[in-house]
Amino acid sequence: MITLDTTIQRNTDNLLTSEVGDELVMMDMDGGNYISLNKTGRVIWEQIEQPVKVGDMVNRLTTRFDIDKETCAADTLEYLENMLAQKVITVA
């Protein structure tokens, strides 16, 4: 389970990525699944190029998107859990 104290990073071992406007499209070469990240997902993806603590990322997102911290934390944690289930990120 990912928490605000968890450190995460990208798992790019088997992913091909391509930019499509503001979105990022990825293909999981192992599973053959396509994953599309909207603008917000792409911002998250850019922030996890190097290992980052989730709480620090939430703080940056609240500033960038003018959203309250509680809502941002809940939405981000749910989003990251989905990314972890798809093996797009790893827990460092």
Protein backbone atom coordinates (compact mmCIF):
# COMPACT_ATOMS: atom_id res chain seq x y z
CA MET A 1 0.00 0.00 0.00
CA ILE A 2 1.32 3.39 -0.99
CA THR A 3 1.31 6.17 1.62
CA LEU A 4 2.56 9.75 1.68
CA ASP A 5 5.82 8.43 3.16
CA THR A 6 6.37 5.93 0.33
CA THR A 7 9.13 6.61 -2.18
CA ILE A 8 8.25 5.66 -5.75
CA GLN A 9 9.84 5.81 -9.18
CA ARG A 10 9.13 4.89 -12.77
CA ASN A 11 9.37 1.32 -13.97
CA THR A 12 10.40 1.75 -17.59
CA ASP A 13 11.89 -1.71 -18.10
CA ASN A 14 9.26 -2.88 -20.58
CA LEU A 15 7.49 0.34 -21.59
CA LEU A 16 7.54 2.21 -24.87
CA THR A 17 6.34 5.79 -24.53
CA SER A 18 5.15 8.40 -27.00
CA GLU A 19 3.92 11.96 -26.58
CA VAL A 20 0.52 12.80 -28.06
CA GLY A 21 -0.22 16.46 -27.42
CA ASP A 22 -0.41 16.97 -23.64
CA GLU A 23 -0.88 13.25 -23.08
CA LEU A 24 1.60 10.41 -22.85
CA VAL A 25 0.81 7.00 -24.31
CA MET A 26 2.70 3.94 -23.13
CA MET A 27 2.74 0.34 -24.27
CA ASP A 28 3.57 -2.44 -21.86
CA MET A 29 5.68 -4.73 -24.01
CA ASP A 30 5.21 -7.70 -21.67
CA GLY A 31 1.44 -7.52 -21.33
CA GLY A 32 0.63 -5.79 -24.62
CA ASN A 33 -1.47 -3.20 -22.78
CA TYR A 34 -1.74 0.45 -23.75
CA ILE A 35 -1.73 3.03 -20.99
CA SER A 36 -2.73 6.64 -21.63
CA LEU A 37 -1.79 9.39 -19.19
CA ASN A 38 -3.72 12.65 -19.32
CA LYS A 39 -2.07 15.99 -18.56
CA THR A 40 -2.13 15.44 -14.79
CA GLY A 41 -0.87 11.86 -15.16
CA ARG A 42 1.92 13.12 -17.37
CA VAL A 43 2.94 15.68 -14.73
CA ILE A 44 3.10 12.87 -12.17
CA TRP A 45 5.11 10.73 -14.61
CA GLU A 46 7.59 13.58 -15.12
CA GLN A 47 8.01 13.96 -11.35
CA ILE A 48 8.93 10.31 -10.82
CA GLU A 49 11.81 10.08 -13.26
CA GLN A 50 13.97 9.84 -10.12
CA PRO A 51 12.78 8.36 -6.81
CA VAL A 52 10.45 10.76 -5.03
CA LYS A 53 8.52 10.68 -1.77
CA VAL A 54 4.78 10.75 -2.47
CA GLY A 55 4.17 13.46 0.13
CA ASP A 56 6.66 15.76 -1.60
CA MET A 57 4.99 15.12 -4.93
CA VAL A 58 1.55 15.92 -3.46
CA ASN A 59 2.91 19.23 -2.14
CA ARG A 60 4.13 20.18 -5.62
CA LEU A 61 0.85 19.09 -7.22
CA THR A 62 -1.25 21.19 -4.81
CA THR A 63 0.71 24.26 -5.84
CA ARG A 64 0.65 23.53 -9.57
CA PHE A 65 -3.05 22.66 -9.80
CA ASP A 66 -4.48 24.88 -7.03
CA ILE A 67 -6.15 22.00 -5.20
CA ASP A 68 -6.47 21.39 -1.48
CA LYS A 69 -3.94 18.97 0.03
CA GLU A 70 -6.45 16.41 1.32
CA THR A 71 -8.18 15.99 -2.04
CA CYS A 72 -4.88 15.93 -3.90
CA ALA A 73 -3.42 13.33 -1.53
CA ALA A 74 -6.47 11.05 -1.81
CA ASP A 75 -6.63 11.31 -5.61
CA THR A 76 -2.87 10.90 -6.03
CA LEU A 77 -2.68 7.85 -3.75
CA GLU A 78 -5.53 6.18 -5.65
CA TYR A 79 -3.88 7.00 -8.99
CA LEU A 80 -0.50 5.67 -7.84
CA GLU A 81 -2.06 2.44 -6.58
CA ASN A 82 -3.49 1.93 -10.08
CA MET A 83 -0.10 2.66 -11.63
CA LEU A 84 1.53 0.18 -9.25
CA ALA A 85 -1.03 -2.49 -10.15
CA GLN A 86 -0.16 -1.95 -13.83
CA LYS A 87 3.55 -2.20 -12.93
CA VAL A 88 4.25 1.26 -14.33
CA ILE A 89 5.86 2.39 -11.06
CA THR A 90 7.88 0.68 -8.37
CA VAL A 91 8.26 1.31 -4.68
CA ALA A 92 11.86 2.30 -4.00
